[in-house]
Amino acid sequence: MSDLTNIGISFEASEIAKELSERYYFRDVLSFLQFAMSYALSKHLNEIDFETLDSEYESSGLHYNVGSIKKSSLIITVFNSVFPDCKTPYRYIRVLMIYGTFKIKERMEAGTDFWEILSAKRNS
């Protein structure tokens, strides 16, 4: 399978990301999605089935050229340290962004304050 040149976020995750990025003062939606990716990596990595989720997550929401992701070399550096042999990093990054967004929303709906999620004080 080839890698992506354009990352399409699901419609539902896009709507959540737009709302949370504005409410919690992220520079832009992509900054929130990168945070969501980091959150998924740090808190939920062992439960993510990348191949299944890649095919299940639709891509009718926001779209980003991979060049937008490459601008944040820290994100790529972190990703490559976790998945040094990954041949399709942007497919994985897409899944992590969507999954992380859903998990953040799920925690907030369960009563966790976003600032607590952001500060990573809880291990969940």
PDB file of N, CA and C in Angstrom:
ATOM      1  N   MET A   1       0.848  -1.175   0.000  1.00  0.00           N
ATOM      2  CA  MET A   1       0.000   0.000   0.000  1.00  0.00           C
ATOM      3  C   MET A   1       0.896   1.241   0.000  1.00  0.00           C
ATOM      4  N   SER A   2       0.529   2.212  -0.798  1.00  0.00           N
ATOM      5  CA  SER A   2       1.325   3.442  -0.862  1.00  0.00           C
ATOM      6  C   SER A   2       0.910   4.410   0.242  1.00  0.00           C
ATOM      7  N   ASP A   3       1.791   5.348   0.502  1.00  0.00           N
ATOM      8  CA  ASP A   3       1.506   6.332   1.541  1.00  0.00           C
ATOM      9  C   ASP A   3       0.680   7.472   0.966  1.00  0.00           C
ATOM     10  N   LEU A   4       0.184   8.294   1.853  1.00  0.00           N
ATOM     11  CA  LEU A   4      -0.667   9.420   1.474  1.00  0.00           C
ATOM     12  C   LEU A   4       0.174  10.630   1.066  1.00  0.00           C
ATOM     13  N   THR A   5      -0.378  11.430   0.174  1.00  0.00           N
ATOM     14  CA  THR A   5       0.194  12.744  -0.122  1.00  0.00           C
ATOM     15  C   THR A   5      -0.721  13.831   0.421  1.00  0.00           C
ATOM     16  N   ASN A   6      -1.940  13.425   0.785  1.00  0.00           N
ATOM     17  CA  ASN A   6      -2.920  14.333   1.353  1.00  0.00           C
ATOM     18  C   ASN A   6      -3.624  13.589   2.479  1.00  0.00           C
ATOM     19  N   ILE A   7      -3.613  14.169   3.659  1.00  0.00           N
ATOM     20  CA  ILE A   7      -4.216  13.529   4.830  1.00  0.00           C
ATOM     21  C   ILE A   7      -5.639  14.037   4.990  1.00  0.00           C
ATOM     22  N   GLY A   8      -6.600  13.133   4.853  1.00  0.00           N
ATOM     23  CA  GLY A   8      -8.007  13.471   5.023  1.00  0.00           C
ATOM     24  C   GLY A   8      -8.501  13.002   6.373  1.00  0.00           C
ATOM     25  N   ILE A   9      -8.945  13.940   7.171  1.00  0.00           N
ATOM     26  CA  ILE A   9      -9.476  13.644   8.496  1.00  0.00           C
ATOM     27  C   ILE A   9     -10.971  13.351   8.360  1.00  0.00           C
ATOM     28  N   SER A  10     -11.489  12.467   9.178  1.00  0.00           N
ATOM     29  CA  SER A  10     -12.920  12.159   9.108  1.00  0.00           C
ATOM     30  C   SER A  10     -13.733  13.420   9.426  1.00  0.00           C
ATOM     31  N   PHE A  11     -14.947  13.449   8.923  1.00  0.00           N
ATOM     32  CA  PHE A  11     -15.807  14.616   9.144  1.00  0.00           C
ATOM     33  C   PHE A  11     -16.040  14.836  10.640  1.00  0.00           C
ATOM     34  N   GLU A  12     -16.375  13.767  11.359  1.00  0.00           N
ATOM     35  CA  GLU A  12     -16.658  13.899  12.792  1.00  0.00           C
ATOM     36  C   GLU A  12     -15.430  14.388  13.563  1.00  0.00           C
ATOM     37  N   ALA A  13     -14.277  13.808  13.290  1.00  0.00           N
ATOM     38  CA  ALA A  13     -13.053  14.246  13.970  1.00  0.00           C
ATOM     39  C   ALA A  13     -12.718  15.688  13.603  1.00  0.00           C
ATOM     40  N   SER A  14     -12.970  16.081  12.372  1.00  0.00           N
ATOM     41  CA  SER A  14     -12.718  17.459  11.943  1.00  0.00           C
ATOM     42  C   SER A  14     -13.572  18.441  12.726  1.00  0.00           C
ATOM     43  N   GLU A  15     -14.832  18.101  12.913  1.00  0.00           N
ATOM     44  CA  GLU A  15     -15.732  18.983  13.659  1.00  0.00           C
ATOM     45  C   GLU A  15     -15.305  19.106  15.124  1.00  0.00           C
ATOM     46  N   ILE A  16     -14.928  18.000  15.722  1.00  0.00           N
ATOM     47  CA  ILE A  16     -14.451  18.017  17.103  1.00  0.00           C
ATOM     48  C   ILE A  16     -13.173  18.857  17.195  1.00  0.00           C
ATOM     49  N   ALA A  17     -12.251  18.627  16.271  1.00  0.00           N
ATOM     50  CA  ALA A  17     -10.976  19.353  16.281  1.00  0.00           C
ATOM     51  C   ALA A  17     -11.185  20.855  16.095  1.00  0.00           C
ATOM     52  N   LYS A  18     -12.094  21.229  15.207  1.00  0.00           N
ATOM     53  CA  LYS A  18     -12.375  22.659  15.008  1.00  0.00           C
ATOM     54  C   LYS A  18     -12.884  23.286  16.304  1.00  0.00           C
ATOM     55  N   GLU A  19     -13.839  22.621  16.930  1.00  0.00           N
ATOM     56  CA  GLU A  19     -14.426  23.134  18.166  1.00  0.00           C
ATOM     57  C   GLU A  19     -13.392  23.254  19.278  1.00  0.00           C
ATOM     58  N   LEU A  20     -12.632  22.193  19.511  1.00  0.00           N
ATOM     59  CA  LEU A  20     -11.682  22.189  20.617  1.00  0.00           C
ATOM     60  C   LEU A  20     -10.489  23.105  20.362  1.00  0.00           C
ATOM     61  N   SER A  21     -10.064  23.202  19.119  1.00  0.00           N
ATOM     62  CA  SER A  21      -8.926  24.082  18.829  1.00  0.00           C
ATOM     63  C   SER A  21      -9.281  25.544  19.076  1.00  0.00           C
ATOM     64  N   GLU A  22     -10.521  25.900  18.799  1.00  0.00           N
ATOM     65  CA  GLU A  22     -10.957  27.278  19.048  1.00  0.00           C
ATOM     66  C   GLU A  22     -11.207  27.510  20.543  1.00  0.00           C
ATOM     67  N   ARG A  23     -11.885  26.586  21.171  1.00  0.00           N
ATOM     68  CA  ARG A  23     -12.232  26.750  22.584  1.00  0.00           C
ATOM     69  C   ARG A  23     -11.000  26.790  23.486  1.00  0.00           C
ATOM     70  N   TYR A  24      -9.970  26.028  23.127  1.00  0.00           N
ATOM     71  CA  TYR A  24      -8.799  25.926  23.994  1.00  0.00           C
ATOM     72  C   TYR A  24      -7.559  26.606  23.413  1.00  0.00           C
ATOM     73  N   TYR A  25      -7.780  27.532  22.508  1.00  0.00           N
ATOM     74  CA  TYR A  25      -6.747  28.470  22.056  1.00  0.00           C
ATOM     75  C   TYR A  25      -5.549  27.850  21.358  1.00  0.00           C
ATOM     76  N   PHE A  26      -5.784  26.811  20.581  1.00  0.00           N
ATOM     77  CA  PHE A  26      -4.713  26.295  19.745  1.00  0.00           C
ATOM     78  C   PHE A  26      -4.496  27.279  18.601  1.00  0.00           C
ATOM     79  N   ARG A  27      -3.292  27.330  18.092  1.00  0.00           N
ATOM     80  CA  ARG A  27      -2.963  28.255  17.007  1.00  0.00           C
ATOM     81  C   ARG A  27      -3.868  28.022  15.800  1.00  0.00           C
ATOM     82  N   ASP A  28      -4.140  26.747  15.504  1.00  0.00           N
ATOM     83  CA  ASP A  28      -5.017  26.383  14.395  1.00  0.00           C
ATOM     84  C   ASP A  28      -5.461  24.928  14.599  1.00  0.00           C
ATOM     85  N   VAL A  29      -6.305  24.446  13.712  1.00  0.00           N
ATOM     86  CA  VAL A  29      -6.843  23.091  13.863  1.00  0.00           C
ATOM     87  C   VAL A  29      -5.732  22.050  13.716  1.00  0.00           C
ATOM     88  N   LEU A  30      -4.808  22.293  12.804  1.00  0.00           N
ATOM     89  CA  LEU A  30      -3.710  21.344  12.623  1.00  0.00           C
ATOM     90  C   LEU A  30      -2.880  21.207  13.910  1.00  0.00           C
ATOM     91  N   SER A  31      -2.694  22.295  14.623  1.00  0.00           N
ATOM     92  CA  SER A  31      -1.971  22.219  15.905  1.00  0.00           C
ATOM     93  C   SER A  31      -2.704  21.313  16.887  1.00  0.00           C
ATOM     94  N   PHE A  32      -4.041  21.429  16.918  1.00  0.00           N
ATOM     95  CA  PHE A  32      -4.817  20.536  17.777  1.00  0.00           C
ATOM     96  C   PHE A  32      -4.660  19.084  17.318  1.00  0.00           C
ATOM     97  N   LEU A  33      -4.739  18.837  16.019  1.00  0.00           N
ATOM     98  CA  LEU A  33      -4.617  17.473  15.509  1.00  0.00           C
ATOM     99  C   LEU A  33      -3.249  16.874  15.834  1.00  0.00           C
ATOM    100  N   GLN A  34      -2.227  17.699  15.811  1.00  0.00           N
ATOM    101  CA  GLN A  34      -0.904  17.207  16.188  1.00  0.00           C
ATOM    102  C   GLN A  34      -0.864  16.877  17.680  1.00  0.00           C
ATOM    103  N   PHE A  35      -1.535  17.680  18.490  1.00  0.00           N
ATOM    104  CA  PHE A  35      -1.652  17.353  19.910  1.00  0.00           C
ATOM    105  C   PHE A  35      -2.413  16.032  20.072  1.00  0.00           C
ATOM    106  N   ALA A  36      -3.505  15.864  19.340  1.00  0.00           N
ATOM    107  CA  ALA A  36      -4.298  14.634  19.420  1.00  0.00           C
ATOM    108  C   ALA A  36      -3.456  13.425  19.015  1.00  0.00           C
ATOM    109  N   MET A  37      -2.610  13.589  18.001  1.00  0.00           N
ATOM    110  CA  MET A  37      -1.716  12.514  17.595  1.00  0.00           C
ATOM    111  C   MET A  37      -0.758  12.164  18.730  1.00  0.00           C
ATOM    112  N   SER A  38      -0.182  13.174  19.346  1.00  0.00           N
ATOM    113  CA  SER A  38       0.746  12.952  20.462  1.00  0.00           C
ATOM    114  C   SER A  38       0.040  12.276  21.627  1.00  0.00           C
ATOM    115  N   TYR A  39      -1.186  12.695  21.886  1.00  0.00           N
ATOM    116  CA  TYR A  39      -1.977  12.096  22.961  1.00  0.00           C
ATOM    117  C   TYR A  39      -2.217  10.610  22.666  1.00  0.00           C
ATOM    118  N   ALA A  40      -2.604  10.300  21.439  1.00  0.00           N
ATOM    119  CA  ALA A  40      -2.842   8.902  21.064  1.00  0.00           C
ATOM    120  C   ALA A  40      -1.567   8.074  21.201  1.00  0.00           C
ATOM    121  N   LEU A  41      -0.447   8.637  20.780  1.00  0.00           N
ATOM    122  CA  LEU A  41       0.831   7.925  20.906  1.00  0.00           C
ATOM    123  C   LEU A  41       1.178   7.653  22.361  1.00  0.00           C
ATOM    124  N   SER A  42       0.979   8.646  23.209  1.00  0.00           N
ATOM    125  CA  SER A  42       1.415   8.503  24.594  1.00  0.00           C
ATOM    126  C   SER A  42       0.454   7.717  25.476  1.00  0.00           C
ATOM    127  N   LYS A  43      -0.823   7.733  25.148  1.00  0.00           N
ATOM    128  CA  LYS A  43      -1.815   7.124  26.045  1.00  0.00           C
ATOM    129  C   LYS A  43      -2.534   5.897  25.489  1.00  0.00           C
ATOM    130  N   HIS A  44      -2.545   5.722  24.165  1.00  0.00           N
ATOM    131  CA  HIS A  44      -3.388   4.669  23.590  1.00  0.00           C
ATOM    132  C   HIS A  44      -2.699   3.823  22.517  1.00  0.00           C
ATOM    133  N   LEU A  45      -1.399   3.921  22.408  1.00  0.00           N
ATOM    134  CA  LEU A  45      -0.689   3.270  21.311  1.00  0.00           C
ATOM    135  C   LEU A  45      -0.965   1.775  21.216  1.00  0.00           C
ATOM    136  N   ASN A  46      -0.981   1.096  22.344  1.00  0.00           N
ATOM    137  CA  ASN A  46      -1.127  -0.364  22.321  1.00  0.00           C
ATOM    138  C   ASN A  46      -2.517  -0.852  21.939  1.00  0.00           C
ATOM    139  N   GLU A  47      -3.482   0.034  21.875  1.00  0.00           N
ATOM    140  CA  GLU A  47      -4.840  -0.405  21.525  1.00  0.00           C
ATOM    141  C   GLU A  47      -5.235  -0.042  20.091  1.00  0.00           C
ATOM    142  N   ILE A  48      -4.327   0.548  19.342  1.00  0.00           N
ATOM    143  CA  ILE A  48      -4.652   1.026  17.997  1.00  0.00           C
ATOM    144  C   ILE A  48      -4.294  -0.027  16.957  1.00  0.00           C
ATOM    145  N   ASP A  49      -5.284  -0.433  16.167  1.00  0.00           N
ATOM    146  CA  ASP A  49      -5.080  -1.331  15.025  1.00  0.00           C
ATOM    147  C   ASP A  49      -5.052  -0.436  13.784  1.00  0.00           C
ATOM    148  N   PHE A  50      -3.862  -0.046  13.371  1.00  0.00           N
ATOM    149  CA  PHE A  50      -3.713   0.943  12.306  1.00  0.00           C
ATOM    150  C   PHE A  50      -4.352   0.523  10.992  1.00  0.00           C
ATOM    151  N   GLU A  51      -4.154  -0.707  10.586  1.00  0.00           N
ATOM    152  CA  GLU A  51      -4.682  -1.156   9.296  1.00  0.00           C
ATOM    153  C   GLU A  51      -6.211  -1.124   9.275  1.00  0.00           C
ATOM    154  N   THR A  52      -6.821  -1.605  10.343  1.00  0.00           N
ATOM    155  CA  THR A  52      -8.286  -1.605  10.411  1.00  0.00           C
ATOM    156  C   THR A  52      -8.830  -0.186  10.448  1.00  0.00           C
ATOM    157  N   LEU A  53      -8.264   0.649  11.314  1.00  0.00           N
ATOM    158  CA  LEU A  53      -8.768   2.017  11.446  1.00  0.00           C
ATOM    159  C   LEU A  53      -8.525   2.834  10.181  1.00  0.00           C
ATOM    160  N   ASP A  54      -7.411   2.598   9.508  1.00  0.00           N
ATOM    161  CA  ASP A  54      -7.138   3.319   8.270  1.00  0.00           C
ATOM    162  C   ASP A  54      -8.248   3.070   7.243  1.00  0.00           C
ATOM    163  N   SER A  55      -8.740   1.847   7.191  1.00  0.00           N
ATOM    164  CA  SER A  55      -9.809   1.548   6.237  1.00  0.00           C
ATOM    165  C   SER A  55     -11.187   1.965   6.759  1.00  0.00           C
ATOM    166  N   GLU A  56     -11.362   2.029   8.083  1.00  0.00           N
ATOM    167  CA  GLU A  56     -12.658   2.410   8.655  1.00  0.00           C
ATOM    168  C   GLU A  56     -12.877   3.921   8.695  1.00  0.00           C
ATOM    169  N   TYR A  57     -11.845   4.688   8.929  1.00  0.00           N
ATOM    170  CA  TYR A  57     -11.996   6.142   9.040  1.00  0.00           C
ATOM    171  C   TYR A  57     -12.175   6.758   7.655  1.00  0.00           C
ATOM    172  N   GLU A  58     -13.317   7.387   7.454  1.00  0.00           N
ATOM    173  CA  GLU A  58     -13.530   8.078   6.186  1.00  0.00           C
ATOM    174  C   GLU A  58     -12.734   9.384   6.196  1.00  0.00           C
ATOM    175  N   SER A  59     -12.680  10.045   5.064  1.00  0.00           N
ATOM    176  CA  SER A  59     -11.833  11.235   4.956  1.00  0.00           C
ATOM    177  C   SER A  59     -12.567  12.416   4.335  1.00  0.00           C
ATOM    178  N   SER A  60     -13.803  12.635   4.773  1.00  0.00           N
ATOM    179  CA  SER A  60     -14.612  13.700   4.171  1.00  0.00           C
ATOM    180  C   SER A  60     -14.517  15.033   4.900  1.00  0.00           C
ATOM    181  N   GLY A  61     -13.635  15.109   5.888  1.00  0.00           N
ATOM    182  CA  GLY A  61     -13.485  16.352   6.641  1.00  0.00           C
ATOM    183  C   GLY A  61     -12.313  17.175   6.142  1.00  0.00           C
ATOM    184  N   LEU A  62     -11.573  17.724   7.058  1.00  0.00           N
ATOM    185  CA  LEU A  62     -10.426  18.563   6.726  1.00  0.00           C
ATOM    186  C   LEU A  62      -9.352  17.760   5.999  1.00  0.00           C
ATOM    187  N   HIS A  63      -8.628  18.451   5.115  1.00  0.00           N
ATOM    188  CA  HIS A  63      -7.543  17.817   4.360  1.00  0.00           C
ATOM    189  C   HIS A  63      -6.281  18.643   4.514  1.00  0.00           C
ATOM    190  N   TYR A  64      -5.171  17.943   4.663  1.00  0.00           N
ATOM    191  CA  TYR A  64      -3.867  18.589   4.787  1.00  0.00           C
ATOM    192  C   TYR A  64      -2.875  17.912   3.862  1.00  0.00           C
ATOM    193  N   ASN A  65      -2.152  18.701   3.102  1.00  0.00           N
ATOM    194  CA  ASN A  65      -1.056  18.188   2.308  1.00  0.00           C
ATOM    195  C   ASN A  65       0.019  17.733   3.285  1.00  0.00           C
ATOM    196  N   VAL A  66       0.716  16.649   2.974  1.00  0.00           N
ATOM    197  CA  VAL A  66       1.727  16.156   3.912  1.00  0.00           C
ATOM    198  C   VAL A  66       2.820  17.194   4.162  1.00  0.00           C
ATOM    199  N   GLY A  67       2.999  18.135   3.274  1.00  0.00           N
ATOM    200  CA  GLY A  67       3.959  19.211   3.500  1.00  0.00           C
ATOM    201  C   GLY A  67       3.616  20.024   4.733  1.00  0.00           C
ATOM    202  N   SER A  68       2.326  20.149   5.034  1.00  0.00           N
ATOM    203  CA  SER A  68       1.900  20.857   6.250  1.00  0.00           C
ATOM    204  C   SER A  68       2.365  20.122   7.494  1.00  0.00           C
ATOM    205  N   ILE A  69       2.388  18.812   7.422  1.00  0.00           N
ATOM    206  CA  ILE A  69       2.827  17.993   8.550  1.00  0.00           C
ATOM    207  C   ILE A  69       4.352  18.033   8.646  1.00  0.00           C
ATOM    208  N   LYS A  70       5.018  17.998   7.509  1.00  0.00           N
ATOM    209  CA  LYS A  70       6.480  18.010   7.486  1.00  0.00           C
ATOM    210  C   LYS A  70       7.047  19.295   8.080  1.00  0.00           C
ATOM    211  N   LYS A  71       6.283  20.377   8.035  1.00  0.00           N
ATOM    212  CA  LYS A  71       6.751  21.644   8.604  1.00  0.00           C
ATOM    213  C   LYS A  71       7.055  21.505  10.086  1.00  0.00           C
ATOM    214  N   SER A  72       6.323  20.614  10.739  1.00  0.00           N
ATOM    215  CA  SER A  72       6.572  20.369  12.164  1.00  0.00           C
ATOM    216  C   SER A  72       7.528  19.193  12.279  1.00  0.00           C
ATOM    217  N   SER A  73       8.812  19.475  12.194  1.00  0.00           N
ATOM    218  CA  SER A  73       9.791  18.396  12.212  1.00  0.00           C
ATOM    219  C   SER A  73       9.740  17.603  13.517  1.00  0.00           C
ATOM    220  N   LEU A  74       9.272  18.238  14.597  1.00  0.00           N
ATOM    221  CA  LEU A  74       9.169  17.532  15.865  1.00  0.00           C
ATOM    222  C   LEU A  74       8.182  16.366  15.762  1.00  0.00           C
ATOM    223  N   ILE A  75       7.053  16.594  15.108  1.00  0.00           N
ATOM    224  CA  ILE A  75       6.057  15.531  14.938  1.00  0.00           C
ATOM    225  C   ILE A  75       6.661  14.361  14.167  1.00  0.00           C
ATOM    226  N   ILE A  76       7.361  14.642  13.099  1.00  0.00           N
ATOM    227  CA  ILE A  76       7.972  13.581  12.296  1.00  0.00           C
ATOM    228  C   ILE A  76       9.067  12.876  13.096  1.00  0.00           C
ATOM    229  N   THR A  77       9.849  13.628  13.845  1.00  0.00           N
ATOM    230  CA  THR A  77      10.910  13.038  14.665  1.00  0.00           C
ATOM    231  C   THR A  77      10.317  12.094  15.712  1.00  0.00           C
ATOM    232  N   VAL A  78       9.271  12.547  16.394  1.00  0.00           N
ATOM    233  CA  VAL A  78       8.605  11.706  17.395  1.00  0.00           C
ATOM    234  C   VAL A  78       8.030  10.460  16.727  1.00  0.00           C
ATOM    235  N   PHE A  79       7.339  10.654  15.617  1.00  0.00           N
ATOM    236  CA  PHE A  79       6.736   9.523  14.921  1.00  0.00           C
ATOM    237  C   PHE A  79       7.808   8.504  14.525  1.00  0.00           C
ATOM    238  N   ASN A  80       8.893   8.983  13.917  1.00  0.00           N
ATOM    239  CA  ASN A  80       9.950   8.075  13.464  1.00  0.00           C
ATOM    240  C   ASN A  80      10.648   7.362  14.613  1.00  0.00           C
ATOM    241  N   SER A  81      10.672   7.979  15.788  1.00  0.00           N
ATOM    242  CA  SER A  81      11.286   7.293  16.927  1.00  0.00           C
ATOM    243  C   SER A  81      10.405   6.147  17.421  1.00  0.00           C
ATOM    244  N   VAL A  82       9.098   6.280  17.265  1.00  0.00           N
ATOM    245  CA  VAL A  82       8.172   5.218  17.680  1.00  0.00           C
ATOM    246  C   VAL A  82       8.050   4.142  16.601  1.00  0.00           C
ATOM    247  N   PHE A  83       8.047   4.572  15.337  1.00  0.00           N
ATOM    248  CA  PHE A  83       7.873   3.651  14.203  1.00  0.00           C
ATOM    249  C   PHE A  83       9.022   3.817  13.207  1.00  0.00           C
ATOM    250  N   PRO A  84      10.232   3.402  13.577  1.00  0.00           N
ATOM    251  CA  PRO A  84      11.384   3.664  12.704  1.00  0.00           C
ATOM    252  C   PRO A  84      11.320   2.962  11.345  1.00  0.00           C
ATOM    253  N   ASP A  85      10.599   1.870  11.239  1.00  0.00           N
ATOM    254  CA  ASP A  85      10.549   1.117   9.984  1.00  0.00           C
ATOM    255  C   ASP A  85       9.242   1.285   9.223  1.00  0.00           C
ATOM    256  N   CYS A  86       8.413   2.218   9.631  1.00  0.00           N
ATOM    257  CA  CYS A  86       7.105   2.406   8.999  1.00  0.00           C
ATOM    258  C   CYS A  86       7.275   2.913   7.564  1.00  0.00           C
ATOM    259  N   LYS A  87       6.644   2.237   6.634  1.00  0.00           N
ATOM    260  CA  LYS A  87       6.727   2.607   5.215  1.00  0.00           C
ATOM    261  C   LYS A  87       5.605   3.551   4.794  1.00  0.00           C
ATOM    262  N   THR A  88       4.589   3.691   5.646  1.00  0.00           N
ATOM    263  CA  THR A  88       3.462   4.572   5.325  1.00  0.00           C
ATOM    264  C   THR A  88       3.183   5.499   6.510  1.00  0.00           C
ATOM    265  N   PRO A  89       4.121   6.375   6.834  1.00  0.00           N
ATOM    266  CA  PRO A  89       3.963   7.201   8.039  1.00  0.00           C
ATOM    267  C   PRO A  89       2.739   8.110   8.020  1.00  0.00           C
ATOM    268  N   TYR A  90       2.369   8.621   6.864  1.00  0.00           N
ATOM    269  CA  TYR A  90       1.251   9.560   6.843  1.00  0.00           C
ATOM    270  C   TYR A  90      -0.096   8.863   7.012  1.00  0.00           C
ATOM    271  N   ARG A  91      -0.187   7.608   6.640  1.00  0.00           N
ATOM    272  CA  ARG A  91      -1.392   6.826   6.960  1.00  0.00           C
ATOM    273  C   ARG A  91      -1.490   6.645   8.478  1.00  0.00           C
ATOM    274  N   TYR A  92      -0.381   6.330   9.106  1.00  0.00           N
ATOM    275  CA  TYR A  92      -0.364   6.167  10.558  1.00  0.00           C
ATOM    276  C   TYR A  92      -0.662   7.491  11.258  1.00  0.00           C
ATOM    277  N   ILE A  93      -0.051   8.552  10.790  1.00  0.00           N
ATOM    278  CA  ILE A  93      -0.281   9.867  11.395  1.00  0.00           C
ATOM    279  C   ILE A  93      -1.754  10.234  11.298  1.00  0.00           C
ATOM    280  N   ARG A  94      -2.375   9.978  10.160  1.00  0.00           N
ATOM    281  CA  ARG A  94      -3.808  10.247   9.979  1.00  0.00           C
ATOM    282  C   ARG A  94      -4.627   9.484  11.016  1.00  0.00           C
ATOM    283  N   VAL A  95      -4.358   8.202  11.164  1.00  0.00           N
ATOM    284  CA  VAL A  95      -5.083   7.378  12.135  1.00  0.00           C
ATOM    285  C   VAL A  95      -4.870   7.919  13.549  1.00  0.00           C
ATOM    286  N   LEU A  96      -3.641   8.255  13.894  1.00  0.00           N
ATOM    287  CA  LEU A  96      -3.352   8.778  15.227  1.00  0.00           C
ATOM    288  C   LEU A  96      -4.078  10.090  15.495  1.00  0.00           C
ATOM    289  N   MET A  97      -4.146  10.963  14.509  1.00  0.00           N
ATOM    290  CA  MET A  97      -4.847  12.240  14.681  1.00  0.00           C
ATOM    291  C   MET A  97      -6.328  12.027  14.942  1.00  0.00           C
ATOM    292  N   ILE A  98      -6.942  11.165  14.162  1.00  0.00           N
ATOM    293  CA  ILE A  98      -8.377  10.908  14.314  1.00  0.00           C
ATOM    294  C   ILE A  98      -8.643  10.180  15.634  1.00  0.00           C
ATOM    295  N   TYR A  99      -7.885   9.128  15.893  1.00  0.00           N
ATOM    296  CA  TYR A  99      -8.075   8.337  17.109  1.00  0.00           C
ATOM    297  C   TYR A  99      -7.879   9.206  18.352  1.00  0.00           C
ATOM    298  N   GLY A 100      -6.823   9.993  18.353  1.00  0.00           N
ATOM    299  CA  GLY A 100      -6.559  10.875  19.490  1.00  0.00           C
ATOM    300  C   GLY A 100      -7.671  11.875  19.712  1.00  0.00           C
ATOM    301  N   THR A 101      -8.199  12.428  18.637  1.00  0.00           N
ATOM    302  CA  THR A 101      -9.314  13.376  18.735  1.00  0.00           C
ATOM    303  C   THR A 101     -10.524  12.711  19.376  1.00  0.00           C
ATOM    304  N   PHE A 102     -10.841  11.510  18.919  1.00  0.00           N
ATOM    305  CA  PHE A 102     -11.983  10.796  19.495  1.00  0.00           C
ATOM    306  C   PHE A 102     -11.757  10.463  20.977  1.00  0.00           C
ATOM    307  N   LYS A 103     -10.552  10.065  21.329  1.00  0.00           N
ATOM    308  CA  LYS A 103     -10.264   9.717  22.726  1.00  0.00           C
ATOM    309  C   LYS A 103     -10.323  10.953  23.631  1.00  0.00           C
ATOM    310  N   ILE A 104      -9.841  12.079  23.150  1.00  0.00           N
ATOM    311  CA  ILE A 104      -9.925  13.316  23.931  1.00  0.00           C
ATOM    312  C   ILE A 104     -11.383  13.677  24.166  1.00  0.00           C
ATOM    313  N   LYS A 105     -12.186  13.625  23.126  1.00  0.00           N
ATOM    314  CA  LYS A 105     -13.621  13.932  23.242  1.00  0.00           C
ATOM    315  C   LYS A 105     -14.289  12.954  24.220  1.00  0.00           C
ATOM    316  N   GLU A 106     -13.945  11.682  24.119  1.00  0.00           N
ATOM    317  CA  GLU A 106     -14.505  10.651  25.008  1.00  0.00           C
ATOM    318  C   GLU A 106     -14.181  10.955  26.472  1.00  0.00           C
ATOM    319  N   ARG A 107     -12.947  11.323  26.743  1.00  0.00           N
ATOM    320  CA  ARG A 107     -12.562  11.663  28.126  1.00  0.00           C
ATOM    321  C   ARG A 107     -13.302  12.890  28.621  1.00  0.00           C
ATOM    322  N   MET A 108     -13.465  13.869  27.764  1.00  0.00           N
ATOM    323  CA  MET A 108     -14.170  15.078  28.167  1.00  0.00           C
ATOM    324  C   MET A 108     -15.631  14.766  28.458  1.00  0.00           C
ATOM    325  N   GLU A 109     -16.241  13.913  27.638  1.00  0.00           N
ATOM    326  CA  GLU A 109     -17.632  13.524  27.878  1.00  0.00           C
ATOM    327  C   GLU A 109     -17.780  12.737  29.173  1.00  0.00           C
ATOM    328  N   ALA A 110     -16.698  12.086  29.618  1.00  0.00           N
ATOM    329  CA  ALA A 110     -16.709  11.330  30.876  1.00  0.00           C
ATOM    330  C   ALA A 110     -16.402  12.223  32.078  1.00  0.00           C
ATOM    331  N   GLY A 111     -16.179  13.517  31.821  1.00  0.00           N
ATOM    332  CA  GLY A 111     -16.004  14.458  32.912  1.00  0.00           C
ATOM    333  C   GLY A 111     -14.591  14.968  33.150  1.00  0.00           C
ATOM    334  N   THR A 112     -13.633  14.528  32.364  1.00  0.00           N
ATOM    335  CA  THR A 112     -12.262  15.017  32.536  1.00  0.00           C
ATOM    336  C   THR A 112     -12.144  16.395  31.902  1.00  0.00           C
ATOM    337  N   ASP A 113     -11.569  17.306  32.637  1.00  0.00           N
ATOM    338  CA  ASP A 113     -11.354  18.659  32.136  1.00  0.00           C
ATOM    339  C   ASP A 113     -10.250  18.644  31.083  1.00  0.00           C
ATOM    340  N   PHE A 114     -10.443  19.420  30.016  1.00  0.00           N
ATOM    341  CA  PHE A 114      -9.460  19.437  28.933  1.00  0.00           C
ATOM    342  C   PHE A 114      -8.072  19.837  29.439  1.00  0.00           C
ATOM    343  N   TRP A 115      -7.996  20.782  30.367  1.00  0.00           N
ATOM    344  CA  TRP A 115      -6.699  21.236  30.856  1.00  0.00           C
ATOM    345  C   TRP A 115      -5.960  20.104  31.550  1.00  0.00           C
ATOM    346  N   GLU A 116      -6.691  19.189  32.144  1.00  0.00           N
ATOM    347  CA  GLU A 116      -6.067  18.024  32.764  1.00  0.00           C
ATOM    348  C   GLU A 116      -5.502  17.091  31.686  1.00  0.00           C
ATOM    349  N   ILE A 117      -6.228  16.943  30.601  1.00  0.00           N
ATOM    350  CA  ILE A 117      -5.740  16.134  29.478  1.00  0.00           C
ATOM    351  C   ILE A 117      -4.490  16.780  28.892  1.00  0.00           C
ATOM    352  N   LEU A 118      -4.537  18.080  28.717  1.00  0.00           N
ATOM    353  CA  LEU A 118      -3.427  18.812  28.131  1.00  0.00           C
ATOM    354  C   LEU A 118      -2.174  18.713  28.984  1.00  0.00           C
ATOM    355  N   SER A 119      -2.350  18.772  30.289  1.00  0.00           N
ATOM    356  CA  SER A 119      -1.186  18.716  31.178  1.00  0.00           C
ATOM    357  C   SER A 119      -0.685  17.299  31.393  1.00  0.00           C
ATOM    358  N   ALA A 120      -1.448  16.318  30.930  1.00  0.00           N
ATOM    359  CA  ALA A 120      -1.062  14.898  31.027  1.00  0.00           C
ATOM    360  C   ALA A 120      -0.809  14.443  32.461  1.00  0.00           C
ATOM    361  N   LYS A 121      -1.585  14.997  33.401  1.00  0.00           N
ATOM    362  CA  LYS A 121      -1.420  14.604  34.802  1.00  0.00           C
ATOM    363  C   LYS A 121      -1.968  13.216  35.061  1.00  0.00           C
ATOM    364  N   ARG A 122      -3.003  12.843  34.333  1.00  0.00           N
ATOM    365  CA  ARG A 122      -3.593  11.524  34.537  1.00  0.00           C
ATOM    366  C   ARG A 122      -2.996  10.553  33.536  1.00  0.00           C
ATOM    367  N   ASN A 123      -2.858   9.351  33.938  1.00  0.00           N
ATOM    368  CA  ASN A 123      -2.308   8.326  33.064  1.00  0.00           C
ATOM    369  C   ASN A 123      -3.428   7.507  32.446  1.00  0.00           C
ATOM    370  N   SER A 124      -4.193   8.161  31.576  1.00  0.00           N
ATOM    371  CA  SER A 124      -5.261   7.433  30.866  1.00  0.00           C
ATOM    372  C   SER A 124      -5.570   8.121  29.577  1.00  0.00           C
TER     373      SER A 124
END
